[in-house]
Amino acid sequence: MGKEKKEALDLIQKLPEEVTTDAIMEELYFKPQIDKGLQDVAERRVISHQELKNRIARWRKSAGP
């Protein structure tokens, strides 16, 4: 069995018995997003909170009134 399939099955097994299909799908989508974010942090592909605020301010200013 492939690694990703095993991880997905393990994640599903940990969910409550009365879980909905929608909740399963949300969990299966959420985990890779978290893993990617953690990988970005590990590889220092991040910006500071202040830099984010600066970028948003520039974006809002360029978007007009």
PDB file of N, CA and C in Angstrom:
ATOM      1  N   MET A   1       0.845  -1.170   0.000  1.00  0.00           N
ATOM      2  CA  MET A   1       0.000   0.000   0.000  1.00  0.00           C
ATOM      3  C   MET A   1       0.892   1.235   0.000  1.00  0.00           C
ATOM      4  N   GLY A   2       0.498   2.236  -0.786  1.00  0.00           N
ATOM      5  CA  GLY A   2       1.272   3.464  -0.863  1.00  0.00           C
ATOM      6  C   GLY A   2       1.208   4.271   0.424  1.00  0.00           C
ATOM      7  N   LYS A   3       2.223   5.090   0.630  1.00  0.00           N
ATOM      8  CA  LYS A   3       2.326   5.891   1.853  1.00  0.00           C
ATOM      9  C   LYS A   3       1.123   6.818   2.018  1.00  0.00           C
ATOM     10  N   GLU A   4       0.746   7.520   0.967  1.00  0.00           N
ATOM     11  CA  GLU A   4      -0.362   8.474   1.073  1.00  0.00           C
ATOM     12  C   GLU A   4      -1.683   7.768   1.372  1.00  0.00           C
ATOM     13  N   LYS A   5      -1.894   6.621   0.758  1.00  0.00           N
ATOM     14  CA  LYS A   5      -3.126   5.878   1.014  1.00  0.00           C
ATOM     15  C   LYS A   5      -3.164   5.409   2.461  1.00  0.00           C
ATOM     16  N   LYS A   6      -2.026   4.919   2.958  1.00  0.00           N
ATOM     17  CA  LYS A   6      -1.966   4.465   4.348  1.00  0.00           C
ATOM     18  C   LYS A   6      -2.234   5.630   5.299  1.00  0.00           C
ATOM     19  N   GLU A   7      -1.642   6.791   5.030  1.00  0.00           N
ATOM     20  CA  GLU A   7      -1.871   7.964   5.882  1.00  0.00           C
ATOM     21  C   GLU A   7      -3.350   8.362   5.867  1.00  0.00           C
ATOM     22  N   ALA A   8      -3.979   8.307   4.688  1.00  0.00           N
ATOM     23  CA  ALA A   8      -5.395   8.657   4.586  1.00  0.00           C
ATOM     24  C   ALA A   8      -6.249   7.681   5.383  1.00  0.00           C
ATOM     25  N   LEU A   9      -5.965   6.403   5.261  1.00  0.00           N
ATOM     26  CA  LEU A   9      -6.729   5.397   6.003  1.00  0.00           C
ATOM     27  C   LEU A   9      -6.518   5.546   7.512  1.00  0.00           C
ATOM     28  N   ASP A  10      -5.285   5.823   7.925  1.00  0.00           N
ATOM     29  CA  ASP A  10      -5.008   6.036   9.348  1.00  0.00           C
ATOM     30  C   ASP A  10      -5.785   7.235   9.875  1.00  0.00           C
ATOM     31  N   LEU A  11      -5.810   8.309   9.094  1.00  0.00           N
ATOM     32  CA  LEU A  11      -6.540   9.505   9.502  1.00  0.00           C
ATOM     33  C   LEU A  11      -8.027   9.207   9.642  1.00  0.00           C
ATOM     34  N   ILE A  12      -8.584   8.490   8.682  1.00  0.00           N
ATOM     35  CA  ILE A  12     -10.011   8.147   8.719  1.00  0.00           C
ATOM     36  C   ILE A  12     -10.319   7.257   9.924  1.00  0.00           C
ATOM     37  N   GLN A  13      -9.440   6.313  10.216  1.00  0.00           N
ATOM     38  CA  GLN A  13      -9.643   5.415  11.359  1.00  0.00           C
ATOM     39  C   GLN A  13      -9.718   6.175  12.683  1.00  0.00           C
ATOM     40  N   LYS A  14      -9.017   7.314  12.776  1.00  0.00           N
ATOM     41  CA  LYS A  14      -8.986   8.081  14.016  1.00  0.00           C
ATOM     42  C   LYS A  14     -10.233   8.947  14.207  1.00  0.00           C
ATOM     43  N   LEU A  15     -11.034   9.089  13.165  1.00  0.00           N
ATOM     44  CA  LEU A  15     -12.241   9.905  13.259  1.00  0.00           C
ATOM     45  C   LEU A  15     -13.336   9.138  13.999  1.00  0.00           C
ATOM     46  N   PRO A  16     -14.296   9.860  14.586  1.00  0.00           N
ATOM     47  CA  PRO A  16     -15.389   9.176  15.292  1.00  0.00           C
ATOM     48  C   PRO A  16     -16.234   8.330  14.343  1.00  0.00           C
ATOM     49  N   GLU A  17     -16.883   7.318  14.876  1.00  0.00           N
ATOM     50  CA  GLU A  17     -17.695   6.408  14.056  1.00  0.00           C
ATOM     51  C   GLU A  17     -18.814   7.134  13.316  1.00  0.00           C
ATOM     52  N   GLU A  18     -19.379   8.172  13.916  1.00  0.00           N
ATOM     53  CA  GLU A  18     -20.519   8.858  13.318  1.00  0.00           C
ATOM     54  C   GLU A  18     -20.098  10.007  12.389  1.00  0.00           C
ATOM     55  N   VAL A  19     -18.888   9.979  11.903  1.00  0.00           N
ATOM     56  CA  VAL A  19     -18.366  11.038  11.038  1.00  0.00           C
ATOM     57  C   VAL A  19     -19.111  11.063   9.692  1.00  0.00           C
ATOM     58  N   THR A  20     -19.283  12.262   9.163  1.00  0.00           N
ATOM     59  CA  THR A  20     -19.939  12.406   7.859  1.00  0.00           C
ATOM     60  C   THR A  20     -18.910  12.348   6.744  1.00  0.00           C
ATOM     61  N   THR A  21     -19.390  12.093   5.551  1.00  0.00           N
ATOM     62  CA  THR A  21     -18.509  12.088   4.380  1.00  0.00           C
ATOM     63  C   THR A  21     -17.881  13.462   4.192  1.00  0.00           C
ATOM     64  N   ASP A  22     -18.667  14.516   4.416  1.00  0.00           N
ATOM     65  CA  ASP A  22     -18.124  15.868   4.290  1.00  0.00           C
ATOM     66  C   ASP A  22     -16.974  16.095   5.266  1.00  0.00           C
ATOM     67  N   ALA A  23     -17.126  15.630   6.503  1.00  0.00           N
ATOM     68  CA  ALA A  23     -16.075  15.798   7.505  1.00  0.00           C
ATOM     69  C   ALA A  23     -14.821  15.008   7.122  1.00  0.00           C
ATOM     70  N   ILE A  24     -15.010  13.832   6.563  1.00  0.00           N
ATOM     71  CA  ILE A  24     -13.869  13.031   6.102  1.00  0.00           C
ATOM     72  C   ILE A  24     -13.130  13.779   5.003  1.00  0.00           C
ATOM     73  N   MET A  25     -13.878  14.309   4.053  1.00  0.00           N
ATOM     74  CA  MET A  25     -13.268  15.045   2.940  1.00  0.00           C
ATOM     75  C   MET A  25     -12.515  16.275   3.450  1.00  0.00           C
ATOM     76  N   GLU A  26     -13.097  16.972   4.423  1.00  0.00           N
ATOM     77  CA  GLU A  26     -12.430  18.141   4.998  1.00  0.00           C
ATOM     78  C   GLU A  26     -11.103  17.751   5.633  1.00  0.00           C
ATOM     79  N   GLU A  27     -11.102  16.661   6.389  1.00  0.00           N
ATOM     80  CA  GLU A  27      -9.873  16.205   7.035  1.00  0.00           C
ATOM     81  C   GLU A  27      -8.821  15.794   6.006  1.00  0.00           C
ATOM     82  N   LEU A  28      -9.264  15.102   4.962  1.00  0.00           N
ATOM     83  CA  LEU A  28      -8.324  14.662   3.929  1.00  0.00           C
ATOM     84  C   LEU A  28      -7.735  15.849   3.168  1.00  0.00           C
ATOM     85  N   TYR A  29      -8.477  16.935   3.064  1.00  0.00           N
ATOM     86  CA  TYR A  29      -7.964  18.141   2.416  1.00  0.00           C
ATOM     87  C   TYR A  29      -7.068  18.916   3.378  1.00  0.00           C
ATOM     88  N   PHE A  30      -7.463  19.002   4.640  1.00  0.00           N
ATOM     89  CA  PHE A  30      -6.781  19.819   5.632  1.00  0.00           C
ATOM     90  C   PHE A  30      -5.366  19.317   5.934  1.00  0.00           C
ATOM     91  N   LYS A  31      -5.194  18.025   6.105  1.00  0.00           N
ATOM     92  CA  LYS A  31      -3.890  17.487   6.516  1.00  0.00           C
ATOM     93  C   LYS A  31      -2.766  17.826   5.539  1.00  0.00           C
ATOM     94  N   PRO A  32      -2.941  17.638   4.234  1.00  0.00           N
ATOM     95  CA  PRO A  32      -1.840  18.003   3.328  1.00  0.00           C
ATOM     96  C   PRO A  32      -1.519  19.499   3.360  1.00  0.00           C
ATOM     97  N   GLN A  33      -2.535  20.324   3.609  1.00  0.00           N
ATOM     98  CA  GLN A  33      -2.293  21.758   3.686  1.00  0.00           C
ATOM     99  C   GLN A  33      -1.406  22.083   4.892  1.00  0.00           C
ATOM    100  N   ILE A  34      -1.681  21.435   6.008  1.00  0.00           N
ATOM    101  CA  ILE A  34      -0.853  21.624   7.202  1.00  0.00           C
ATOM    102  C   ILE A  34       0.557  21.108   6.959  1.00  0.00           C
ATOM    103  N   ASP A  35       0.660  19.937   6.360  1.00  0.00           N
ATOM    104  CA  ASP A  35       1.981  19.367   6.052  1.00  0.00           C
ATOM    105  C   ASP A  35       2.785  20.302   5.155  1.00  0.00           C
ATOM    106  N   LYS A  36       2.135  20.894   4.157  1.00  0.00           N
ATOM    107  CA  LYS A  36       2.824  21.823   3.254  1.00  0.00           C
ATOM    108  C   LYS A  36       3.285  23.053   4.018  1.00  0.00           C
ATOM    109  N   GLY A  37       2.435  23.576   4.891  1.00  0.00           N
ATOM    110  CA  GLY A  37       2.818  24.737   5.692  1.00  0.00           C
ATOM    111  C   GLY A  37       4.004  24.445   6.591  1.00  0.00           C
ATOM    112  N   LEU A  38       4.003  23.281   7.212  1.00  0.00           N
ATOM    113  CA  LEU A  38       5.128  22.903   8.061  1.00  0.00           C
ATOM    114  C   LEU A  38       6.411  22.742   7.254  1.00  0.00           C
ATOM    115  N   GLN A  39       6.277  22.212   6.035  1.00  0.00           N
ATOM    116  CA  GLN A  39       7.442  22.073   5.155  1.00  0.00           C
ATOM    117  C   GLN A  39       7.978  23.453   4.762  1.00  0.00           C
ATOM    118  N   ASP A  40       7.072  24.387   4.479  1.00  0.00           N
ATOM    119  CA  ASP A  40       7.487  25.754   4.152  1.00  0.00           C
ATOM    120  C   ASP A  40       8.263  26.371   5.316  1.00  0.00           C
ATOM    121  N   VAL A  41       7.784  26.172   6.530  1.00  0.00           N
ATOM    122  CA  VAL A  41       8.478  26.698   7.700  1.00  0.00           C
ATOM    123  C   VAL A  41       9.849  26.052   7.823  1.00  0.00           C
ATOM    124  N   ALA A  42       9.912  24.747   7.665  1.00  0.00           N
ATOM    125  CA  ALA A  42      11.189  24.031   7.786  1.00  0.00           C
ATOM    126  C   ALA A  42      12.197  24.511   6.748  1.00  0.00           C
ATOM    127  N   GLU A  43      11.699  24.880   5.571  1.00  0.00           N
ATOM    128  CA  GLU A  43      12.586  25.338   4.503  1.00  0.00           C
ATOM    129  C   GLU A  43      12.691  26.860   4.447  1.00  0.00           C
ATOM    130  N   ARG A  44      12.177  27.501   5.505  1.00  0.00           N
ATOM    131  CA  ARG A  44      12.274  28.949   5.680  1.00  0.00           C
ATOM    132  C   ARG A  44      11.629  29.747   4.541  1.00  0.00           C
ATOM    133  N   ARG A  45      10.552  29.208   3.992  1.00  0.00           N
ATOM    134  CA  ARG A  45       9.787  29.926   2.962  1.00  0.00           C
ATOM    135  C   ARG A  45       8.620  30.634   3.654  1.00  0.00           C
ATOM    136  N   VAL A  46       8.962  31.612   4.472  1.00  0.00           N
ATOM    137  CA  VAL A  46       7.963  32.335   5.247  1.00  0.00           C
ATOM    138  C   VAL A  46       8.271  33.831   5.192  1.00  0.00           C
ATOM    139  N   ILE A  47       7.274  34.639   5.538  1.00  0.00           N
ATOM    140  CA  ILE A  47       7.499  36.069   5.688  1.00  0.00           C
ATOM    141  C   ILE A  47       7.010  36.469   7.078  1.00  0.00           C
ATOM    142  N   SER A  48       7.491  37.601   7.543  1.00  0.00           N
ATOM    143  CA  SER A  48       7.097  38.060   8.873  1.00  0.00           C
ATOM    144  C   SER A  48       5.681  38.613   8.846  1.00  0.00           C
ATOM    145  N   HIS A  49       5.119  38.731  10.024  1.00  0.00           N
ATOM    146  CA  HIS A  49       3.781  39.301  10.159  1.00  0.00           C
ATOM    147  C   HIS A  49       3.776  40.738   9.623  1.00  0.00           C
ATOM    148  N   GLN A  50       4.822  41.488   9.945  1.00  0.00           N
ATOM    149  CA  GLN A  50       4.908  42.874   9.483  1.00  0.00           C
ATOM    150  C   GLN A  50       4.976  42.940   7.960  1.00  0.00           C
ATOM    151  N   GLU A  51       5.747  42.055   7.341  1.00  0.00           N
ATOM    152  CA  GLU A  51       5.827  42.043   5.876  1.00  0.00           C
ATOM    153  C   GLU A  51       4.464  41.732   5.272  1.00  0.00           C
ATOM    154  N   LEU A  52       3.735  40.819   5.861  1.00  0.00           N
ATOM    155  CA  LEU A  52       2.394  40.509   5.378  1.00  0.00           C
ATOM    156  C   LEU A  52       1.495  41.737   5.475  1.00  0.00           C
ATOM    157  N   LYS A  53       1.557  42.437   6.604  1.00  0.00           N
ATOM    158  CA  LYS A  53       0.757  43.656   6.763  1.00  0.00           C
ATOM    159  C   LYS A  53       1.125  44.691   5.704  1.00  0.00           C
ATOM    160  N   ASN A  54       2.422  44.840   5.429  1.00  0.00           N
ATOM    161  CA  ASN A  54       2.875  45.787   4.401  1.00  0.00           C
ATOM    162  C   ASN A  54       2.340  45.411   3.029  1.00  0.00           C
ATOM    163  N   ARG A  55       2.397  44.144   2.709  1.00  0.00           N
ATOM    164  CA  ARG A  55       1.902  43.686   1.400  1.00  0.00           C
ATOM    165  C   ARG A  55       0.401  43.920   1.261  1.00  0.00           C
ATOM    166  N   ILE A  56      -0.342  43.639   2.322  1.00  0.00           N
ATOM    167  CA  ILE A  56      -1.788  43.856   2.282  1.00  0.00           C
ATOM    168  C   ILE A  56      -2.089  45.339   2.124  1.00  0.00           C
ATOM    169  N   ALA A  57      -1.359  46.184   2.841  1.00  0.00           N
ATOM    170  CA  ALA A  57      -1.572  47.636   2.734  1.00  0.00           C
ATOM    171  C   ALA A  57      -1.300  48.107   1.305  1.00  0.00           C
ATOM    172  N   ARG A  58      -0.216  47.626   0.692  1.00  0.00           N
ATOM    173  CA  ARG A  58       0.093  48.015  -0.701  1.00  0.00           C
ATOM    174  C   ARG A  58      -0.989  47.509  -1.648  1.00  0.00           C
ATOM    175  N   TRP A  59      -1.446  46.288  -1.415  1.00  0.00           N
ATOM    176  CA  TRP A  59      -2.486  45.713  -2.267  1.00  0.00           C
ATOM    177  C   TRP A  59      -3.774  46.526  -2.159  1.00  0.00           C
ATOM    178  N   ARG A  60      -4.167  46.869  -0.936  1.00  0.00           N
ATOM    179  CA  ARG A  60      -5.386  47.640  -0.735  1.00  0.00           C
ATOM    180  C   ARG A  60      -5.277  49.015  -1.374  1.00  0.00           C
ATOM    181  N   LYS A  61      -4.102  49.632  -1.262  1.00  0.00           N
ATOM    182  CA  LYS A  61      -3.889  50.953  -1.845  1.00  0.00           C
ATOM    183  C   LYS A  61      -3.983  50.888  -3.379  1.00  0.00           C
ATOM    184  N   SER A  62      -3.420  49.837  -3.965  1.00  0.00           N
ATOM    185  CA  SER A  62      -3.434  49.714  -5.424  1.00  0.00           C
ATOM    186  C   SER A  62      -4.802  49.299  -5.954  1.00  0.00           C
ATOM    187  N   ALA A  63      -5.660  48.759  -5.083  1.00  0.00           N
ATOM    188  CA  ALA A  63      -6.985  48.317  -5.505  1.00  0.00           C
ATOM    189  C   ALA A  63      -7.953  49.493  -5.649  1.00  0.00           C
ATOM    190  N   GLY A  64      -7.593  50.649  -5.147  1.00  0.00           N
ATOM    191  CA  GLY A  64      -8.456  51.808  -5.272  1.00  0.00           C
ATOM    192  C   GLY A  64      -9.333  52.012  -4.061  1.00  0.00           C
ATOM    193  N   PRO A  65     -10.280  52.945  -4.191  1.00  0.00           N
ATOM    194  CA  PRO A  65     -11.113  53.334  -3.044  1.00  0.00           C
ATOM    195  C   PRO A  65     -11.959  52.246  -2.479  1.00  0.00           C
TER     196      PRO A  65
END
